[in-house]
Amino acid sequence: MSARARAPIRLAAAPAPGDVLCRVDELGPPPGVLGLEWFEWDGPRRIVLTRGEEGVVAFHNECPHALSRLDSPAGSFLADDGASLRCAFHGARFSLHDGRCLAGPAQGRSLRRFPIRLDGAVVRVAAADRPALAGRRARRAKTS
């Protein structure tokens, strides 16, 4: 397996759109993975960035089956095949490319994407696509 486990990187604050998460080379060659975590007012947030042949993608570090973190021990994301993510608790395997479950108890579900964009040699937080939330804000502003 080319990507070895390494402890997640702890960010000092919650990243906002446009913030740099990491350099692409920090992910290593495909299949590269890197865990990031930070704290918000209601608890910890964790993501995993993956680098496959198709590019870089980020997912929330949470299995859709039992809502547990994928990595245990922390930073150990890759399945034995070296080509998929795995949930340490129940053995579900997920595609590095699109997060869909390939095997295990999360069949029919996918990991939730975390919005990122590549900007040259760095990975940045992208603006989340939340039109329903934006619509609610607009309605509230009109009624105020």
N, C-alpha and C. Protein backbone atom coordinates (compact mmCIF):
# COMPACT_ATOMS: atom_id res chain seq x y z
N MET A 1 0.85 -1.17 0.00
CA MET A 1 0.00 0.00 0.00
C MET A 1 0.90 1.23 0.00
N SER A 2 0.68 2.18 -0.90
CA SER A 2 1.57 3.32 -1.03
C SER A 2 1.30 4.42 -0.02
N ALA A 3 0.07 4.56 0.46
CA ALA A 3 -0.25 5.63 1.41
C ALA A 3 -0.31 5.04 2.81
N ARG A 4 0.60 5.48 3.66
CA ARG A 4 0.60 4.94 5.01
C ARG A 4 -0.22 5.84 5.92
N ALA A 5 -0.67 5.28 7.03
CA ALA A 5 -1.48 6.03 7.98
C ALA A 5 -0.65 7.13 8.62
N ARG A 6 -1.26 8.27 8.78
CA ARG A 6 -0.62 9.36 9.50
C ARG A 6 -1.72 10.14 10.22
N ALA A 7 -1.38 10.68 11.35
CA ALA A 7 -2.37 11.38 12.16
C ALA A 7 -3.01 12.52 11.37
N PRO A 8 -4.30 12.75 11.58
CA PRO A 8 -4.96 13.88 10.91
C PRO A 8 -4.30 15.21 11.31
N ILE A 9 -4.35 16.16 10.42
CA ILE A 9 -3.84 17.49 10.70
C ILE A 9 -4.95 18.28 11.39
N ARG A 10 -4.63 18.89 12.52
CA ARG A 10 -5.61 19.70 13.24
C ARG A 10 -5.48 21.15 12.81
N LEU A 11 -6.58 21.70 12.30
CA LEU A 11 -6.61 23.10 11.91
C LEU A 11 -6.94 23.95 13.12
N ALA A 12 -6.40 25.16 13.19
CA ALA A 12 -6.62 26.04 14.33
C ALA A 12 -8.06 26.56 14.39
N ALA A 13 -8.70 26.69 13.23
CA ALA A 13 -10.07 27.22 13.19
C ALA A 13 -10.82 26.57 12.04
N ALA A 14 -12.12 26.70 12.07
CA ALA A 14 -12.96 26.15 10.99
C ALA A 14 -12.60 26.85 9.68
N PRO A 15 -12.36 26.10 8.62
CA PRO A 15 -12.01 26.72 7.34
C PRO A 15 -13.24 27.35 6.69
N ALA A 16 -13.03 28.44 6.01
CA ALA A 16 -14.09 29.15 5.30
C ALA A 16 -13.82 29.07 3.80
N PRO A 17 -14.83 29.34 2.97
CA PRO A 17 -14.60 29.32 1.52
C PRO A 17 -13.39 30.16 1.14
N GLY A 18 -12.51 29.57 0.35
CA GLY A 18 -11.29 30.24 -0.10
C GLY A 18 -10.07 29.88 0.72
N ASP A 19 -10.26 29.37 1.94
CA ASP A 19 -9.12 29.00 2.78
C ASP A 19 -8.37 27.80 2.19
N VAL A 20 -7.06 27.80 2.35
CA VAL A 20 -6.23 26.68 1.90
C VAL A 20 -6.34 25.56 2.93
N LEU A 21 -6.63 24.35 2.47
CA LEU A 21 -6.68 23.17 3.34
C LEU A 21 -5.32 22.47 3.39
N CYS A 22 -4.69 22.34 2.23
CA CYS A 22 -3.39 21.69 2.16
C CYS A 22 -2.81 21.89 0.77
N ARG A 23 -1.55 21.50 0.61
CA ARG A 23 -0.94 21.45 -0.71
C ARG A 23 -1.28 20.09 -1.32
N VAL A 24 -1.43 20.02 -2.60
CA VAL A 24 -1.75 18.75 -3.28
C VAL A 24 -0.66 17.72 -2.99
N ASP A 25 0.60 18.13 -2.97
CA ASP A 25 1.68 17.16 -2.74
C ASP A 25 1.64 16.56 -1.33
N GLU A 26 0.94 17.19 -0.38
CA GLU A 26 0.80 16.61 0.96
C GLU A 26 -0.04 15.33 0.94
N LEU A 27 -0.84 15.17 -0.11
CA LEU A 27 -1.66 13.96 -0.24
C LEU A 27 -0.84 12.76 -0.70
N GLY A 28 0.32 13.02 -1.24
CA GLY A 28 1.15 11.93 -1.77
C GLY A 28 0.64 11.50 -3.12
N PRO A 29 1.33 10.54 -3.74
CA PRO A 29 0.89 10.03 -5.04
C PRO A 29 -0.38 9.20 -4.87
N PRO A 30 -1.16 9.04 -5.95
CA PRO A 30 -2.38 8.22 -5.84
C PRO A 30 -2.03 6.79 -5.42
N PRO A 31 -2.77 6.14 -4.57
CA PRO A 31 -3.92 6.71 -3.84
C PRO A 31 -3.44 7.42 -2.59
N GLY A 32 -3.58 8.73 -2.57
CA GLY A 32 -3.16 9.51 -1.42
C GLY A 32 -4.36 9.90 -0.58
N VAL A 33 -4.17 9.93 0.71
CA VAL A 33 -5.25 10.34 1.62
C VAL A 33 -4.66 11.22 2.72
N LEU A 34 -5.47 12.14 3.20
CA LEU A 34 -5.07 13.02 4.28
C LEU A 34 -6.30 13.40 5.09
N GLY A 35 -6.24 13.19 6.38
CA GLY A 35 -7.32 13.60 7.27
C GLY A 35 -7.06 14.98 7.83
N LEU A 36 -8.13 15.77 7.93
CA LEU A 36 -8.07 17.09 8.56
C LEU A 36 -9.18 17.16 9.59
N GLU A 37 -8.95 17.88 10.66
CA GLU A 37 -10.00 18.04 11.67
C GLU A 37 -9.89 19.42 12.31
N TRP A 38 -11.02 19.89 12.81
CA TRP A 38 -11.08 21.16 13.51
C TRP A 38 -12.29 21.11 14.44
N PHE A 39 -12.39 22.09 15.32
CA PHE A 39 -13.50 22.14 16.25
C PHE A 39 -14.39 23.33 15.95
N GLU A 40 -15.67 23.10 16.05
CA GLU A 40 -16.66 24.18 15.95
C GLU A 40 -17.42 24.20 17.25
N TRP A 41 -18.31 25.14 17.41
CA TRP A 41 -19.02 25.32 18.68
C TRP A 41 -19.76 24.06 19.14
N ASP A 42 -20.21 23.24 18.20
CA ASP A 42 -21.00 22.06 18.58
C ASP A 42 -20.22 20.75 18.49
N GLY A 43 -18.91 20.82 18.30
CA GLY A 43 -18.12 19.60 18.31
C GLY A 43 -17.10 19.53 17.20
N PRO A 44 -16.40 18.40 17.11
CA PRO A 44 -15.34 18.24 16.11
C PRO A 44 -15.91 18.04 14.70
N ARG A 45 -15.16 18.49 13.72
CA ARG A 45 -15.46 18.25 12.31
C ARG A 45 -14.25 17.54 11.73
N ARG A 46 -14.51 16.54 10.89
CA ARG A 46 -13.42 15.78 10.29
C ARG A 46 -13.71 15.56 8.81
N ILE A 47 -12.68 15.70 7.99
CA ILE A 47 -12.80 15.39 6.57
C ILE A 47 -11.61 14.53 6.16
N VAL A 48 -11.76 13.87 5.03
CA VAL A 48 -10.66 13.12 4.45
C VAL A 48 -10.55 13.55 2.99
N LEU A 49 -9.35 13.96 2.59
CA LEU A 49 -9.08 14.31 1.21
C LEU A 49 -8.45 13.11 0.55
N THR A 50 -8.89 12.80 -0.66
CA THR A 50 -8.34 11.67 -1.39
C THR A 50 -7.76 12.14 -2.72
N ARG A 51 -6.69 11.50 -3.12
CA ARG A 51 -6.07 11.80 -4.41
C ARG A 51 -5.99 10.50 -5.18
N GLY A 52 -6.85 10.39 -6.18
CA GLY A 52 -6.84 9.23 -7.05
C GLY A 52 -6.39 9.63 -8.44
N GLU A 53 -6.47 8.71 -9.36
CA GLU A 53 -6.09 9.00 -10.75
C GLU A 53 -7.01 10.06 -11.35
N GLU A 54 -8.26 10.17 -10.83
CA GLU A 54 -9.24 11.12 -11.35
C GLU A 54 -9.08 12.52 -10.78
N GLY A 55 -8.29 12.68 -9.73
CA GLY A 55 -8.10 13.99 -9.12
C GLY A 55 -8.27 13.95 -7.61
N VAL A 56 -8.47 15.12 -7.04
CA VAL A 56 -8.60 15.27 -5.59
C VAL A 56 -10.07 15.49 -5.23
N VAL A 57 -10.53 14.79 -4.21
CA VAL A 57 -11.91 14.88 -3.74
C VAL A 57 -11.85 14.90 -2.21
N ALA A 58 -12.85 15.51 -1.58
CA ALA A 58 -12.91 15.52 -0.11
C ALA A 58 -14.28 15.02 0.34
N PHE A 59 -14.27 14.27 1.43
CA PHE A 59 -15.49 13.73 2.02
C PHE A 59 -15.50 14.00 3.51
N HIS A 60 -16.70 14.09 4.07
CA HIS A 60 -16.80 14.13 5.52
C HIS A 60 -16.33 12.77 6.04
N ASN A 61 -15.57 12.77 7.09
CA ASN A 61 -15.03 11.55 7.67
C ASN A 61 -16.10 10.93 8.57
N GLU A 62 -17.13 10.40 7.92
CA GLU A 62 -18.26 9.82 8.65
C GLU A 62 -18.94 8.76 7.79
N CYS A 63 -18.97 7.55 8.29
CA CYS A 63 -19.61 6.46 7.56
C CYS A 63 -21.13 6.66 7.58
N PRO A 64 -21.79 6.55 6.44
CA PRO A 64 -23.24 6.73 6.41
C PRO A 64 -24.01 5.59 7.07
N HIS A 65 -23.35 4.50 7.38
CA HIS A 65 -24.02 3.35 8.01
C HIS A 65 -24.27 3.60 9.49
N ALA A 66 -23.23 3.94 10.24
CA ALA A 66 -23.37 4.09 11.69
C ALA A 66 -22.95 5.47 12.18
N LEU A 67 -22.65 6.38 11.25
CA LEU A 67 -22.24 7.74 11.56
C LEU A 67 -20.98 7.80 12.43
N SER A 68 -20.13 6.80 12.30
CA SER A 68 -18.86 6.78 13.02
C SER A 68 -17.76 7.26 12.07
N ARG A 69 -16.66 7.69 12.64
CA ARG A 69 -15.55 8.12 11.79
C ARG A 69 -15.01 6.90 11.04
N LEU A 70 -14.44 7.15 9.87
CA LEU A 70 -13.92 6.06 9.04
C LEU A 70 -12.62 5.48 9.58
N ASP A 71 -11.77 6.33 10.09
CA ASP A 71 -10.42 5.92 10.45
C ASP A 71 -10.27 5.53 11.92
N SER A 72 -9.73 4.36 12.11
CA SER A 72 -9.35 3.89 13.44
C SER A 72 -8.26 2.84 13.23
N PRO A 73 -7.04 3.10 13.64
CA PRO A 73 -6.63 4.29 14.36
C PRO A 73 -6.69 5.54 13.48
N ALA A 74 -6.68 6.70 14.13
CA ALA A 74 -6.79 7.97 13.41
C ALA A 74 -5.77 8.04 12.29
N GLY A 75 -6.25 8.41 11.10
CA GLY A 75 -5.38 8.56 9.94
C GLY A 75 -5.25 7.33 9.08
N SER A 76 -5.86 6.21 9.49
CA SER A 76 -5.81 4.97 8.73
C SER A 76 -7.10 4.82 7.93
N PHE A 77 -7.07 5.26 6.67
CA PHE A 77 -8.27 5.32 5.84
C PHE A 77 -8.37 4.25 4.76
N LEU A 78 -7.24 3.82 4.21
CA LEU A 78 -7.29 2.93 3.05
C LEU A 78 -7.62 1.50 3.43
N ALA A 79 -8.43 0.87 2.58
CA ALA A 79 -8.73 -0.56 2.73
C ALA A 79 -7.49 -1.36 2.34
N ASP A 80 -7.52 -2.64 2.63
CA ASP A 80 -6.38 -3.51 2.31
C ASP A 80 -6.06 -3.52 0.81
N ASP A 81 -7.06 -3.26 -0.04
CA ASP A 81 -6.81 -3.25 -1.48
C ASP A 81 -6.01 -2.02 -1.91
N GLY A 82 -5.88 -1.02 -1.02
CA GLY A 82 -5.12 0.18 -1.34
C GLY A 82 -5.79 1.09 -2.34
N ALA A 83 -7.00 0.76 -2.76
CA ALA A 83 -7.68 1.53 -3.79
C ALA A 83 -9.06 2.03 -3.36
N SER A 84 -9.39 1.90 -2.07
CA SER A 84 -10.68 2.38 -1.58
C SER A 84 -10.54 2.78 -0.12
N LEU A 85 -11.47 3.62 0.33
CA LEU A 85 -11.53 3.97 1.75
C LEU A 85 -12.30 2.88 2.46
N ARG A 86 -12.04 2.71 3.75
CA ARG A 86 -12.80 1.71 4.49
C ARG A 86 -13.19 2.27 5.85
N CYS A 87 -14.34 1.82 6.32
CA CYS A 87 -14.80 2.16 7.66
C CYS A 87 -14.21 1.12 8.61
N ALA A 88 -13.47 1.59 9.58
CA ALA A 88 -12.78 0.70 10.51
C ALA A 88 -13.73 -0.09 11.40
N PHE A 89 -14.93 0.41 11.59
CA PHE A 89 -15.82 -0.23 12.57
C PHE A 89 -16.65 -1.37 12.00
N HIS A 90 -17.14 -1.26 10.78
CA HIS A 90 -17.98 -2.32 10.22
C HIS A 90 -17.53 -2.81 8.86
N GLY A 91 -16.39 -2.31 8.38
CA GLY A 91 -15.79 -2.85 7.17
C GLY A 91 -16.33 -2.36 5.85
N ALA A 92 -17.22 -1.37 5.84
CA ALA A 92 -17.72 -0.85 4.56
C ALA A 92 -16.54 -0.25 3.78
N ARG A 93 -16.57 -0.42 2.46
CA ARG A 93 -15.54 0.16 1.59
C ARG A 93 -16.19 1.17 0.66
N PHE A 94 -15.47 2.27 0.39
CA PHE A 94 -16.00 3.38 -0.40
C PHE A 94 -15.03 3.79 -1.49
N SER A 95 -15.59 4.20 -2.63
CA SER A 95 -14.79 4.66 -3.76
C SER A 95 -14.01 5.92 -3.40
N LEU A 96 -12.74 5.95 -3.78
CA LEU A 96 -11.93 7.16 -3.60
C LEU A 96 -12.42 8.29 -4.49
N HIS A 97 -13.04 7.94 -5.59
CA HIS A 97 -13.45 8.94 -6.59
C HIS A 97 -14.78 9.61 -6.26
N ASP A 98 -15.80 8.83 -5.92
CA ASP A 98 -17.12 9.43 -5.71
C ASP A 98 -17.76 9.11 -4.36
N GLY A 99 -17.09 8.34 -3.52
CA GLY A 99 -17.57 8.06 -2.18
C GLY A 99 -18.68 7.04 -2.06
N ARG A 100 -19.07 6.42 -3.18
CA ARG A 100 -20.16 5.45 -3.08
C ARG A 100 -19.66 4.17 -2.44
N CYS A 101 -20.58 3.50 -1.71
CA CYS A 101 -20.21 2.27 -1.02
C CYS A 101 -19.99 1.16 -2.04
N LEU A 102 -18.86 0.50 -1.94
CA LEU A 102 -18.52 -0.60 -2.84
C LEU A 102 -18.83 -1.96 -2.22
N ALA A 103 -18.80 -2.02 -0.89
CA ALA A 103 -19.06 -3.28 -0.18
C ALA A 103 -19.35 -2.98 1.28
N GLY A 104 -20.12 -3.85 1.91
CA GLY A 104 -20.36 -3.72 3.34
C GLY A 104 -21.72 -3.17 3.68
N PRO A 105 -21.94 -2.86 4.95
CA PRO A 105 -23.27 -2.51 5.44
C PRO A 105 -23.80 -1.15 4.99
N ALA A 106 -23.02 -0.35 4.30
CA ALA A 106 -23.50 0.95 3.83
C ALA A 106 -23.95 0.89 2.37
N GLN A 107 -24.17 -0.32 1.83
CA GLN A 107 -24.58 -0.49 0.42
C GLN A 107 -25.75 0.44 0.08
N GLY A 108 -25.65 1.07 -1.08
CA GLY A 108 -26.70 1.98 -1.54
C GLY A 108 -26.51 3.41 -1.02
N ARG A 109 -25.50 3.64 -0.21
CA ARG A 109 -25.24 4.98 0.32
C ARG A 109 -23.84 5.44 -0.08
N SER A 110 -23.60 6.71 0.12
CA SER A 110 -22.30 7.30 -0.23
C SER A 110 -21.82 8.20 0.88
N LEU A 111 -20.52 8.45 0.89
CA LEU A 111 -19.96 9.44 1.79
C LEU A 111 -20.42 10.82 1.34
N ARG A 112 -20.62 11.72 2.29
CA ARG A 112 -21.00 13.10 1.95
C ARG A 112 -19.76 13.86 1.48
N ARG A 113 -19.90 14.56 0.36
CA ARG A 113 -18.79 15.35 -0.18
C ARG A 113 -18.58 16.61 0.65
N PHE A 114 -17.34 17.04 0.72
CA PHE A 114 -16.98 18.31 1.32
C PHE A 114 -16.51 19.18 0.17
N PRO A 115 -17.00 20.42 0.06
CA PRO A 115 -16.69 21.25 -1.12
C PRO A 115 -15.25 21.76 -1.15
N ILE A 116 -14.53 21.35 -2.18
CA ILE A 116 -13.16 21.82 -2.38
C ILE A 116 -12.98 22.24 -3.83
N ARG A 117 -11.90 22.97 -4.07
CA ARG A 117 -11.49 23.30 -5.44
C ARG A 117 -9.98 23.35 -5.47
N LEU A 118 -9.42 22.95 -6.59
CA LEU A 118 -7.96 23.01 -6.77
C LEU A 118 -7.60 24.39 -7.30
N ASP A 119 -6.57 24.96 -6.73
CA ASP A 119 -6.08 26.27 -7.14
C ASP A 119 -4.57 26.14 -7.32
N GLY A 120 -4.18 25.69 -8.50
CA GLY A 120 -2.77 25.41 -8.73
C GLY A 120 -2.33 24.22 -7.90
N ALA A 121 -1.37 24.44 -7.00
CA ALA A 121 -0.81 23.35 -6.20
C ALA A 121 -1.45 23.24 -4.82
N VAL A 122 -2.54 23.99 -4.58
CA VAL A 122 -3.19 23.92 -3.27
C VAL A 122 -4.66 23.52 -3.40
N VAL A 123 -5.17 22.97 -2.31
CA VAL A 123 -6.59 22.60 -2.21
C VAL A 123 -7.25 23.64 -1.32
N ARG A 124 -8.31 24.25 -1.83
CA ARG A 124 -9.04 25.28 -1.08
C ARG A 124 -10.47 24.83 -0.81
N VAL A 125 -11.07 25.41 0.22
CA VAL A 125 -12.48 25.19 0.48
C VAL A 125 -13.27 25.94 -0.59
N ALA A 126 -14.22 25.27 -1.20
CA ALA A 126 -15.10 25.90 -2.17
C ALA A 126 -16.37 26.33 -1.46
N ALA A 127 -17.09 27.26 -2.05
CA ALA A 127 -18.38 27.66 -1.49
C ALA A 127 -19.34 26.48 -1.60
N ALA A 128 -20.03 26.18 -0.53
CA ALA A 128 -21.00 25.08 -0.55
C ALA A 128 -22.19 25.47 -1.40
N ASP A 129 -22.74 24.50 -2.08
CA ASP A 129 -23.90 24.72 -2.93
C ASP A 129 -25.16 24.46 -2.09
N ARG A 130 -25.75 25.51 -1.55
CA ARG A 130 -26.92 25.38 -0.68
C ARG A 130 -28.01 26.36 -1.09
N PRO A 131 -28.63 26.18 -2.24
CA PRO A 131 -29.63 27.15 -2.68
C PRO A 131 -30.84 27.25 -1.75
N ALA A 132 -31.24 26.17 -1.11
CA ALA A 132 -32.40 26.22 -0.22
C ALA A 132 -32.10 27.12 0.98
N LEU A 133 -30.90 27.02 1.51
CA LEU A 133 -30.51 27.85 2.64
C LEU A 133 -30.44 29.31 2.22
N ALA A 134 -29.89 29.57 1.05
CA ALA A 134 -29.82 30.95 0.56
C ALA A 134 -31.22 31.52 0.38
N GLY A 135 -32.14 30.69 -0.10
CA GLY A 135 -33.52 31.14 -0.28
C GLY A 135 -34.17 31.51 1.04
N ARG A 136 -33.92 30.72 2.08
CA ARG A 136 -34.47 31.03 3.40
C ARG A 136 -33.93 32.34 3.92
N ARG A 137 -32.65 32.57 3.71
CA ARG A 137 -32.06 33.83 4.17
C ARG A 137 -32.69 35.00 3.44
N ALA A 138 -32.88 34.85 2.14
CA ALA A 138 -33.47 35.94 1.36
C ALA A 138 -34.89 36.24 1.84
N ARG A 139 -35.69 35.20 2.12
CA ARG A 139 -37.05 35.41 2.61
C ARG A 139 -37.04 36.12 3.96
N ARG A 140 -36.13 35.72 4.83
CA ARG A 140 -36.05 36.35 6.15
C ARG A 140 -35.71 37.82 6.01
N ALA A 141 -34.80 38.13 5.10
CA ALA A 141 -34.39 39.52 4.91
C ALA A 141 -35.56 40.37 4.44
N LYS A 142 -36.42 39.81 3.58
CA LYS A 142 -37.56 40.56 3.06
C LYS A 142 -38.61 40.81 4.13
N THR A 143 -38.76 39.89 5.08
CA THR A 143 -39.79 40.02 6.10
C THR A 143 -39.33 40.88 7.27
N SER A 144 -38.06 41.21 7.33
CA SER A 144 -37.54 41.99 8.47
C SER A 144 -37.82 43.45 8.31
